[in-house]
Amino acid sequence: MTKVRIRVNGVTHPVELEPRVSLLDALREHMALTGTKKGCDQGACGACTVLVDGERIVSCLALAVQYEDREITTIEGVDEPLQEAFVRHDGFQCGYCTPGQICSALGMLAEHRAGMPSAVTEQVATAPTLTHEEIRERMSGNLCRCGAYNGIVAAIEETAAETDTTKAAAL
């Protein structure tokens, strides 16, 4: 067993874990943060997506002991307009993938704001435009068995547009 201090949603959790425990299992079983879902447990579905220092990762493939002294954000720590947009645009049906979708979308929007291109970015030398196709490509690692993709993309588009408008007004 290894003693680690894992900071999640602004709270430090001292936990004792076996070194091979995934971050997902540590969150759910040792910290009672069950918003992050276990889907495939192989990194293929994105249901377990969380943010680590603002970057999205699939927590089922991450060892918890590697994340000591890092800031982890789960769906329980998210208070964003994106959540309301998901409701308005019916970006969820059963809701199982929604926590991972929201965390991934927040990470994806940060990547886009930083100018990171995706596989469909046409002009990699300039900041990519957040088109419908860009959003779909950037969110392709998050699966929804219910098929709520159109609502998910609409919610992200709305949130990105509101963020851009707010930033422009601040200037």
N, C-alpha and C. Protein backbone atom coordinates (compact mmCIF):
# COMPACT_ATOMS: atom_id res chain seq x y z
N MET A 1 0.84 -1.18 0.00
CA MET A 1 0.00 0.00 0.00
C MET A 1 0.89 1.25 0.00
N THR A 2 0.42 2.27 -0.68
CA THR A 2 1.14 3.53 -0.78
C THR A 2 0.23 4.66 -0.31
N LYS A 3 0.77 5.53 0.52
CA LYS A 3 0.00 6.69 0.97
C LYS A 3 0.23 7.82 -0.02
N VAL A 4 -0.88 8.38 -0.52
CA VAL A 4 -0.81 9.51 -1.44
C VAL A 4 -1.84 10.56 -1.04
N ARG A 5 -1.58 11.79 -1.45
CA ARG A 5 -2.52 12.88 -1.23
C ARG A 5 -2.97 13.34 -2.61
N ILE A 6 -4.22 13.08 -2.90
CA ILE A 6 -4.75 13.41 -4.21
C ILE A 6 -5.73 14.58 -4.06
N ARG A 7 -5.47 15.64 -4.82
CA ARG A 7 -6.30 16.84 -4.75
C ARG A 7 -7.37 16.78 -5.83
N VAL A 8 -8.62 16.71 -5.38
CA VAL A 8 -9.74 16.60 -6.30
C VAL A 8 -10.75 17.70 -5.99
N ASN A 9 -11.09 18.47 -7.01
CA ASN A 9 -12.09 19.54 -6.87
C ASN A 9 -11.76 20.49 -5.72
N GLY A 10 -10.46 20.75 -5.56
CA GLY A 10 -10.02 21.69 -4.54
C GLY A 10 -9.85 21.12 -3.14
N VAL A 11 -10.10 19.83 -2.97
CA VAL A 11 -9.99 19.18 -1.66
C VAL A 11 -8.91 18.11 -1.72
N THR A 12 -8.00 18.12 -0.77
CA THR A 12 -6.95 17.10 -0.73
C THR A 12 -7.45 15.88 0.03
N HIS A 13 -7.33 14.73 -0.61
CA HIS A 13 -7.76 13.46 -0.04
C HIS A 13 -6.54 12.60 0.27
N PRO A 14 -6.23 12.37 1.54
CA PRO A 14 -5.15 11.42 1.85
C PRO A 14 -5.73 10.01 1.73
N VAL A 15 -5.15 9.21 0.86
CA VAL A 15 -5.63 7.85 0.65
C VAL A 15 -4.47 6.88 0.66
N GLU A 16 -4.77 5.65 1.01
CA GLU A 16 -3.80 4.57 0.99
C GLU A 16 -4.25 3.59 -0.09
N LEU A 17 -3.41 3.43 -1.10
CA LEU A 17 -3.78 2.65 -2.28
C LEU A 17 -2.68 1.66 -2.65
N GLU A 18 -3.09 0.62 -3.33
CA GLU A 18 -2.10 -0.22 -4.00
C GLU A 18 -1.61 0.57 -5.20
N PRO A 19 -0.36 0.48 -5.55
CA PRO A 19 0.19 1.28 -6.65
C PRO A 19 -0.49 1.05 -8.00
N ARG A 20 -1.17 -0.06 -8.18
CA ARG A 20 -1.79 -0.35 -9.47
C ARG A 20 -3.25 0.08 -9.57
N VAL A 21 -3.77 0.79 -8.57
CA VAL A 21 -5.16 1.26 -8.59
C VAL A 21 -5.28 2.42 -9.58
N SER A 22 -6.27 2.34 -10.45
CA SER A 22 -6.48 3.41 -11.43
C SER A 22 -7.03 4.65 -10.74
N LEU A 23 -6.83 5.78 -11.38
CA LEU A 23 -7.38 7.02 -10.86
C LEU A 23 -8.90 6.91 -10.79
N LEU A 24 -9.51 6.30 -11.78
CA LEU A 24 -10.96 6.10 -11.78
C LEU A 24 -11.42 5.34 -10.54
N ASP A 25 -10.77 4.22 -10.25
CA ASP A 25 -11.16 3.43 -9.07
C ASP A 25 -10.88 4.17 -7.78
N ALA A 26 -9.80 4.93 -7.73
CA ALA A 26 -9.51 5.72 -6.53
C ALA A 26 -10.61 6.76 -6.30
N LEU A 27 -11.02 7.43 -7.37
CA LEU A 27 -12.09 8.43 -7.24
C LEU A 27 -13.38 7.80 -6.75
N ARG A 28 -13.77 6.73 -7.40
CA ARG A 28 -15.07 6.11 -7.11
C ARG A 28 -15.07 5.33 -5.80
N GLU A 29 -14.05 4.51 -5.57
CA GLU A 29 -14.07 3.59 -4.44
C GLU A 29 -13.41 4.11 -3.18
N HIS A 30 -12.46 5.02 -3.31
CA HIS A 30 -11.74 5.50 -2.13
C HIS A 30 -12.14 6.92 -1.73
N MET A 31 -12.74 7.67 -2.66
CA MET A 31 -13.12 9.05 -2.36
C MET A 31 -14.62 9.29 -2.49
N ALA A 32 -15.37 8.25 -2.87
CA ALA A 32 -16.83 8.30 -3.02
C ALA A 32 -17.28 9.37 -4.02
N LEU A 33 -16.47 9.63 -5.03
CA LEU A 33 -16.83 10.55 -6.11
C LEU A 33 -17.29 9.72 -7.30
N THR A 34 -18.56 9.40 -7.32
CA THR A 34 -19.09 8.45 -8.29
C THR A 34 -19.64 9.10 -9.56
N GLY A 35 -19.46 10.40 -9.71
CA GLY A 35 -19.91 11.06 -10.93
C GLY A 35 -19.14 10.60 -12.15
N THR A 36 -17.86 10.32 -11.98
CA THR A 36 -17.03 9.80 -13.06
C THR A 36 -17.42 8.34 -13.27
N LYS A 37 -17.79 8.00 -14.49
CA LYS A 37 -18.33 6.66 -14.76
C LYS A 37 -17.30 5.70 -15.32
N LYS A 38 -17.51 4.44 -15.00
CA LYS A 38 -16.68 3.38 -15.57
C LYS A 38 -17.45 2.78 -16.73
N GLY A 39 -16.93 2.98 -17.92
CA GLY A 39 -17.58 2.45 -19.11
C GLY A 39 -16.90 1.18 -19.56
N CYS A 40 -15.88 1.33 -20.38
CA CYS A 40 -15.19 0.18 -20.96
C CYS A 40 -14.01 -0.28 -20.12
N ASP A 41 -13.47 0.59 -19.27
CA ASP A 41 -12.29 0.30 -18.46
C ASP A 41 -11.07 -0.02 -19.34
N GLN A 42 -11.08 0.50 -20.58
CA GLN A 42 -9.98 0.27 -21.51
C GLN A 42 -9.56 1.55 -22.24
N GLY A 43 -10.10 2.69 -21.82
CA GLY A 43 -9.74 3.96 -22.43
C GLY A 43 -10.37 4.23 -23.78
N ALA A 44 -11.38 3.47 -24.17
CA ALA A 44 -11.96 3.62 -25.49
C ALA A 44 -13.25 4.42 -25.54
N CYS A 45 -13.95 4.59 -24.41
CA CYS A 45 -15.28 5.20 -24.48
C CYS A 45 -15.34 6.63 -23.97
N GLY A 46 -14.42 7.03 -23.10
CA GLY A 46 -14.39 8.40 -22.59
C GLY A 46 -15.32 8.68 -21.43
N ALA A 47 -16.07 7.69 -20.96
CA ALA A 47 -17.00 7.92 -19.84
C ALA A 47 -16.28 8.36 -18.57
N CYS A 48 -15.03 7.98 -18.43
CA CYS A 48 -14.26 8.28 -17.22
C CYS A 48 -13.39 9.53 -17.35
N THR A 49 -13.65 10.37 -18.35
CA THR A 49 -12.81 11.54 -18.58
C THR A 49 -12.90 12.52 -17.41
N VAL A 50 -11.74 12.95 -16.95
CA VAL A 50 -11.61 13.99 -15.93
C VAL A 50 -10.57 14.99 -16.42
N LEU A 51 -10.44 16.09 -15.71
CA LEU A 51 -9.42 17.08 -16.04
C LEU A 51 -8.30 16.99 -15.01
N VAL A 52 -7.07 16.98 -15.47
CA VAL A 52 -5.90 17.02 -14.60
C VAL A 52 -5.11 18.26 -15.00
N ASP A 53 -5.02 19.18 -14.06
CA ASP A 53 -4.38 20.47 -14.34
C ASP A 53 -4.97 21.10 -15.61
N GLY A 54 -6.28 20.93 -15.79
CA GLY A 54 -6.99 21.52 -16.91
C GLY A 54 -6.96 20.72 -18.19
N GLU A 55 -6.22 19.62 -18.24
CA GLU A 55 -6.15 18.79 -19.44
C GLU A 55 -6.97 17.52 -19.25
N ARG A 56 -7.65 17.11 -20.29
CA ARG A 56 -8.51 15.93 -20.17
C ARG A 56 -7.72 14.64 -20.31
N ILE A 57 -8.09 13.68 -19.47
CA ILE A 57 -7.49 12.34 -19.53
C ILE A 57 -8.60 11.32 -19.28
N VAL A 58 -8.37 10.10 -19.73
CA VAL A 58 -9.27 9.01 -19.36
C VAL A 58 -8.70 8.39 -18.09
N SER A 59 -9.46 8.49 -17.03
CA SER A 59 -8.95 8.11 -15.71
C SER A 59 -8.83 6.61 -15.51
N CYS A 60 -9.44 5.81 -16.37
CA CYS A 60 -9.33 4.35 -16.21
C CYS A 60 -7.94 3.85 -16.59
N LEU A 61 -7.20 4.62 -17.39
CA LEU A 61 -5.85 4.21 -17.81
C LEU A 61 -4.74 4.89 -17.01
N ALA A 62 -5.12 5.72 -16.05
CA ALA A 62 -4.14 6.46 -15.26
C ALA A 62 -4.00 5.83 -13.88
N LEU A 63 -2.78 5.68 -13.42
CA LEU A 63 -2.55 5.16 -12.08
C LEU A 63 -2.69 6.32 -11.08
N ALA A 64 -3.49 6.12 -10.06
CA ALA A 64 -3.77 7.18 -9.09
C ALA A 64 -2.51 7.74 -8.45
N VAL A 65 -1.54 6.88 -8.15
CA VAL A 65 -0.33 7.34 -7.47
C VAL A 65 0.48 8.33 -8.30
N GLN A 66 0.24 8.38 -9.60
CA GLN A 66 0.96 9.31 -10.47
C GLN A 66 0.41 10.74 -10.36
N TYR A 67 -0.72 10.92 -9.70
CA TYR A 67 -1.39 12.21 -9.72
C TYR A 67 -1.35 12.94 -8.39
N GLU A 68 -0.42 12.55 -7.54
CA GLU A 68 -0.21 13.29 -6.31
C GLU A 68 0.29 14.69 -6.68
N ASP A 69 -0.21 15.69 -5.96
CA ASP A 69 0.18 17.09 -6.18
C ASP A 69 -0.28 17.64 -7.52
N ARG A 70 -1.28 17.06 -8.11
CA ARG A 70 -1.88 17.58 -9.34
C ARG A 70 -3.32 17.97 -9.01
N GLU A 71 -3.89 18.87 -9.76
CA GLU A 71 -5.27 19.29 -9.53
C GLU A 71 -6.19 18.52 -10.46
N ILE A 72 -7.03 17.69 -9.87
CA ILE A 72 -7.97 16.87 -10.62
C ILE A 72 -9.35 17.48 -10.48
N THR A 73 -10.04 17.59 -11.60
CA THR A 73 -11.42 18.08 -11.59
C THR A 73 -12.31 16.99 -12.16
N THR A 74 -13.32 16.60 -11.38
CA THR A 74 -14.33 15.65 -11.82
C THR A 74 -15.62 16.43 -12.05
N ILE A 75 -16.62 15.76 -12.52
CA ILE A 75 -17.91 16.41 -12.78
C ILE A 75 -18.46 17.05 -11.51
N GLU A 76 -18.15 16.50 -10.36
CA GLU A 76 -18.64 17.08 -9.10
C GLU A 76 -18.05 18.47 -8.84
N GLY A 77 -16.93 18.76 -9.45
CA GLY A 77 -16.27 20.05 -9.26
C GLY A 77 -16.53 21.04 -10.39
N VAL A 78 -17.39 20.68 -11.32
CA VAL A 78 -17.66 21.53 -12.47
C VAL A 78 -18.94 22.33 -12.21
N ASP A 79 -18.85 23.63 -12.39
CA ASP A 79 -20.01 24.51 -12.30
C ASP A 79 -19.90 25.46 -13.48
N GLU A 80 -20.37 25.02 -14.61
CA GLU A 80 -20.15 25.73 -15.86
C GLU A 80 -21.46 25.90 -16.63
N PRO A 81 -21.55 26.94 -17.44
CA PRO A 81 -22.71 27.12 -18.32
C PRO A 81 -22.89 25.94 -19.28
N LEU A 82 -21.82 25.21 -19.54
CA LEU A 82 -21.90 24.06 -20.44
C LEU A 82 -22.92 23.03 -19.94
N GLN A 83 -23.00 22.84 -18.64
CA GLN A 83 -23.96 21.87 -18.10
C GLN A 83 -25.39 22.28 -18.43
N GLU A 84 -25.69 23.57 -18.27
CA GLU A 84 -27.02 24.07 -18.60
C GLU A 84 -27.30 23.94 -20.10
N ALA A 85 -26.27 24.17 -20.91
CA ALA A 85 -26.43 24.04 -22.36
C ALA A 85 -26.73 22.59 -22.73
N PHE A 86 -26.11 21.63 -22.05
CA PHE A 86 -26.40 20.22 -22.30
C PHE A 86 -27.88 19.95 -22.06
N VAL A 87 -28.44 20.52 -21.01
CA VAL A 87 -29.87 20.33 -20.70
C VAL A 87 -30.72 20.99 -21.78
N ARG A 88 -30.41 22.25 -22.12
CA ARG A 88 -31.20 22.98 -23.13
C ARG A 88 -31.21 22.29 -24.48
N HIS A 89 -30.09 21.70 -24.86
CA HIS A 89 -29.96 21.09 -26.19
C HIS A 89 -30.18 19.58 -26.18
N ASP A 90 -30.63 19.05 -25.06
CA ASP A 90 -30.84 17.60 -24.92
C ASP A 90 -29.57 16.85 -25.29
N GLY A 91 -28.46 17.29 -24.70
CA GLY A 91 -27.15 16.69 -24.96
C GLY A 91 -26.91 15.47 -24.11
N PHE A 92 -27.96 14.89 -23.59
CA PHE A 92 -27.85 13.66 -22.82
C PHE A 92 -29.16 12.91 -22.99
N GLN A 93 -29.13 11.63 -22.84
CA GLN A 93 -30.37 10.87 -22.81
C GLN A 93 -30.37 10.04 -21.54
N CYS A 94 -29.62 8.96 -21.53
CA CYS A 94 -29.57 8.19 -20.27
C CYS A 94 -28.69 8.89 -19.25
N GLY A 95 -27.74 9.72 -19.72
CA GLY A 95 -26.89 10.50 -18.84
C GLY A 95 -25.61 9.81 -18.40
N TYR A 96 -25.43 8.56 -18.77
CA TYR A 96 -24.26 7.83 -18.29
C TYR A 96 -22.95 8.45 -18.78
N CYS A 97 -22.90 8.84 -20.02
CA CYS A 97 -21.67 9.40 -20.58
C CYS A 97 -21.51 10.89 -20.31
N THR A 98 -22.56 11.53 -19.83
CA THR A 98 -22.58 12.99 -19.70
C THR A 98 -21.44 13.56 -18.86
N PRO A 99 -21.09 13.01 -17.69
CA PRO A 99 -19.97 13.58 -16.94
C PRO A 99 -18.67 13.58 -17.75
N GLY A 100 -18.39 12.50 -18.43
CA GLY A 100 -17.18 12.42 -19.25
C GLY A 100 -17.26 13.36 -20.45
N GLN A 101 -18.45 13.47 -21.04
CA GLN A 101 -18.63 14.38 -22.17
C GLN A 101 -18.37 15.82 -21.75
N ILE A 102 -18.91 16.21 -20.60
CA ILE A 102 -18.74 17.59 -20.12
C ILE A 102 -17.28 17.88 -19.78
N CYS A 103 -16.64 16.97 -19.05
CA CYS A 103 -15.22 17.18 -18.73
C CYS A 103 -14.38 17.22 -19.99
N SER A 104 -14.67 16.35 -20.94
CA SER A 104 -13.92 16.33 -22.19
C SER A 104 -14.15 17.63 -22.97
N ALA A 105 -15.39 18.10 -23.00
CA ALA A 105 -15.70 19.33 -23.72
C ALA A 105 -14.95 20.52 -23.11
N LEU A 106 -14.89 20.58 -21.79
CA LEU A 106 -14.15 21.66 -21.14
C LEU A 106 -12.66 21.61 -21.50
N GLY A 107 -12.09 20.41 -21.48
CA GLY A 107 -10.70 20.25 -21.87
C GLY A 107 -10.49 20.58 -23.34
N MET A 108 -11.43 20.17 -24.17
CA MET A 108 -11.35 20.42 -25.61
C MET A 108 -11.42 21.91 -25.89
N LEU A 109 -12.30 22.62 -25.21
CA LEU A 109 -12.41 24.07 -25.41
C LEU A 109 -11.12 24.78 -24.99
N ALA A 110 -10.50 24.31 -23.92
CA ALA A 110 -9.21 24.89 -23.49
C ALA A 110 -8.13 24.61 -24.54
N GLU A 111 -8.12 23.40 -25.11
CA GLU A 111 -7.16 23.07 -26.16
C GLU A 111 -7.35 24.00 -27.36
N HIS A 112 -8.61 24.20 -27.73
CA HIS A 112 -8.91 25.07 -28.87
C HIS A 112 -8.47 26.50 -28.60
N ARG A 113 -8.77 27.01 -27.40
CA ARG A 113 -8.36 28.38 -27.04
C ARG A 113 -6.83 28.52 -27.07
N ALA A 114 -6.13 27.44 -26.78
CA ALA A 114 -4.66 27.46 -26.81
C ALA A 114 -4.11 27.35 -28.23
N GLY A 115 -5.00 27.18 -29.22
CA GLY A 115 -4.58 27.12 -30.61
C GLY A 115 -4.15 25.75 -31.08
N MET A 116 -4.45 24.71 -30.31
CA MET A 116 -4.04 23.36 -30.70
C MET A 116 -4.90 22.87 -31.87
N PRO A 117 -4.29 22.38 -32.94
CA PRO A 117 -5.06 21.86 -34.07
C PRO A 117 -5.59 20.45 -33.79
N SER A 118 -6.55 20.05 -34.60
CA SER A 118 -7.06 18.67 -34.54
C SER A 118 -6.75 17.99 -35.87
N ALA A 119 -7.22 16.79 -36.03
CA ALA A 119 -6.98 16.05 -37.28
C ALA A 119 -7.70 16.68 -38.46
N VAL A 120 -8.74 17.48 -38.23
CA VAL A 120 -9.47 18.10 -39.34
C VAL A 120 -9.15 19.59 -39.52
N THR A 121 -8.23 20.12 -38.72
CA THR A 121 -7.85 21.52 -38.87
C THR A 121 -7.16 21.70 -40.21
N GLU A 122 -7.69 22.61 -41.02
CA GLU A 122 -7.14 22.79 -42.36
C GLU A 122 -5.87 23.63 -42.37
N GLN A 123 -5.83 24.69 -41.60
CA GLN A 123 -4.67 25.58 -41.57
C GLN A 123 -4.02 25.50 -40.19
N VAL A 124 -3.06 24.61 -40.04
CA VAL A 124 -2.44 24.41 -38.73
C VAL A 124 -1.53 25.57 -38.32
N ALA A 125 -1.19 26.44 -39.25
CA ALA A 125 -0.33 27.57 -38.92
C ALA A 125 -1.10 28.69 -38.24
N THR A 126 -2.43 28.67 -38.32
CA THR A 126 -3.25 29.70 -37.69
C THR A 126 -4.17 29.05 -36.66
N ALA A 127 -4.74 29.88 -35.81
CA ALA A 127 -5.66 29.37 -34.79
C ALA A 127 -6.86 28.72 -35.47
N PRO A 128 -7.21 27.50 -35.08
CA PRO A 128 -8.32 26.81 -35.73
C PRO A 128 -9.67 27.44 -35.39
N THR A 129 -10.57 27.43 -36.36
CA THR A 129 -11.93 27.88 -36.14
C THR A 129 -12.71 26.71 -35.56
N LEU A 130 -13.51 26.96 -34.55
CA LEU A 130 -14.26 25.89 -33.90
C LEU A 130 -15.54 25.60 -34.69
N THR A 131 -15.39 24.85 -35.75
CA THR A 131 -16.52 24.47 -36.60
C THR A 131 -17.21 23.24 -36.04
N HIS A 132 -18.35 22.94 -36.64
CA HIS A 132 -19.10 21.73 -36.30
C HIS A 132 -18.20 20.49 -36.44
N GLU A 133 -17.44 20.44 -37.53
CA GLU A 133 -16.56 19.31 -37.80
C GLU A 133 -15.42 19.24 -36.78
N GLU A 134 -14.88 20.41 -36.41
CA GLU A 134 -13.82 20.46 -35.40
C GLU A 134 -14.32 19.89 -34.07
N ILE A 135 -15.50 20.30 -33.66
CA ILE A 135 -16.06 19.81 -32.39
C ILE A 135 -16.24 18.30 -32.45
N ARG A 136 -16.83 17.81 -33.52
CA ARG A 136 -17.05 16.36 -33.64
C ARG A 136 -15.73 15.59 -33.59
N GLU A 137 -14.71 16.08 -34.28
CA GLU A 137 -13.42 15.41 -34.27
C GLU A 137 -12.79 15.45 -32.89
N ARG A 138 -12.82 16.61 -32.27
CA ARG A 138 -12.20 16.77 -30.96
C ARG A 138 -12.92 15.99 -29.87
N MET A 139 -14.19 15.70 -30.06
CA MET A 139 -14.97 14.94 -29.07
C MET A 139 -15.10 13.46 -29.45
N SER A 140 -14.39 13.04 -30.49
CA SER A 140 -14.57 11.67 -31.01
C SER A 140 -14.14 10.58 -30.03
N GLY A 141 -13.39 10.91 -29.01
CA GLY A 141 -12.99 9.91 -28.02
C GLY A 141 -14.04 9.66 -26.95
N ASN A 142 -15.16 10.37 -27.03
CA ASN A 142 -16.24 10.19 -26.07
C ASN A 142 -17.45 9.62 -26.78
N LEU A 143 -17.82 8.41 -26.40
CA LEU A 143 -18.92 7.73 -27.04
C LEU A 143 -20.22 7.91 -26.27
N CYS A 144 -21.33 7.95 -27.00
CA CYS A 144 -22.66 8.03 -26.41
C CYS A 144 -23.51 6.93 -27.05
N ARG A 145 -23.88 5.96 -26.27
CA ARG A 145 -24.66 4.84 -26.81
C ARG A 145 -26.07 5.26 -27.19
N CYS A 146 -26.56 6.36 -26.62
CA CYS A 146 -27.91 6.84 -26.91
C CYS A 146 -27.96 7.68 -28.18
N GLY A 147 -26.83 8.15 -28.63
CA GLY A 147 -26.78 8.93 -29.86
C GLY A 147 -27.15 10.39 -29.68
N ALA A 148 -26.80 10.99 -28.57
CA ALA A 148 -27.13 12.40 -28.30
C ALA A 148 -26.10 13.36 -28.89
N TYR A 149 -25.37 12.91 -29.88
CA TYR A 149 -24.26 13.71 -30.42
C TYR A 149 -24.68 15.09 -30.92
N ASN A 150 -25.82 15.18 -31.60
CA ASN A 150 -26.24 16.48 -32.12
C ASN A 150 -26.46 17.48 -30.99
N GLY A 151 -27.08 17.05 -29.91
CA GLY A 151 -27.30 17.91 -28.75
C GLY A 151 -25.99 18.28 -28.06
N ILE A 152 -25.07 17.33 -28.00
CA ILE A 152 -23.76 17.58 -27.38
C ILE A 152 -23.01 18.64 -28.18
N VAL A 153 -22.98 18.49 -29.48
CA VAL A 153 -22.27 19.45 -30.34
C VAL A 153 -22.95 20.82 -30.24
N ALA A 154 -24.27 20.87 -30.25
CA ALA A 154 -24.99 22.15 -30.14
C ALA A 154 -24.69 22.83 -28.81
N ALA A 155 -24.63 22.06 -27.74
CA ALA A 155 -24.33 22.64 -26.42
C ALA A 155 -22.91 23.22 -26.39
N ILE A 156 -21.97 22.51 -26.99
CA ILE A 156 -20.59 23.00 -27.03
C ILE A 156 -20.50 24.24 -27.90
N GLU A 157 -21.17 24.23 -29.06
CA GLU A 157 -21.15 25.40 -29.95
C GLU A 157 -21.71 26.62 -29.23
N GLU A 158 -22.83 26.45 -28.54
CA GLU A 158 -23.45 27.57 -27.82
C GLU A 158 -22.51 28.11 -26.74
N THR A 159 -21.93 27.20 -25.97
CA THR A 159 -21.04 27.61 -24.88
C THR A 159 -19.80 28.31 -25.42
N ALA A 160 -19.24 27.80 -26.49
CA ALA A 160 -18.06 28.42 -27.08
C ALA A 160 -18.40 29.81 -27.61
N ALA A 161 -19.56 29.96 -28.23
CA ALA A 161 -19.97 31.26 -28.76
C ALA A 161 -20.19 32.26 -27.63
N GLU A 162 -20.82 31.82 -26.53
CA GLU A 162 -21.04 32.70 -25.38
C GLU A 162 -19.72 33.12 -24.76
N THR A 163 -18.78 32.20 -24.67
CA THR A 163 -17.46 32.51 -24.11
C THR A 163 -16.74 33.52 -24.97
N ASP A 164 -16.80 33.33 -26.29
CA ASP A 164 -16.15 34.26 -27.21
C ASP A 164 -16.79 35.66 -27.13
N THR A 165 -18.12 35.71 -27.00
CA THR A 165 -18.83 36.99 -26.89
C THR A 165 -18.46 37.69 -25.60
N THR A 166 -18.38 36.94 -24.50
CA THR A 166 -18.01 37.53 -23.21
C THR A 166 -16.59 38.08 -23.24
N LYS A 167 -15.68 37.34 -23.85
CA LYS A 167 -14.29 37.81 -23.95
C LYS A 167 -14.20 39.07 -24.81
N ALA A 168 -14.94 39.10 -25.92
CA ALA A 168 -14.93 40.26 -26.81
C ALA A 168 -15.49 41.49 -26.10
N ALA A 169 -16.53 41.30 -25.31
CA ALA A 169 -17.15 42.43 -24.58
C ALA A 169 -16.19 42.96 -23.50
N ALA A 170 -15.37 42.09 -22.93
CA ALA A 170 -14.42 42.50 -21.89
C ALA A 170 -13.29 43.35 -22.46
N LEU A 171 -13.02 43.19 -23.75
CA LEU A 171 -11.94 43.96 -24.38
C LEU A 171 -12.43 45.34 -24.63
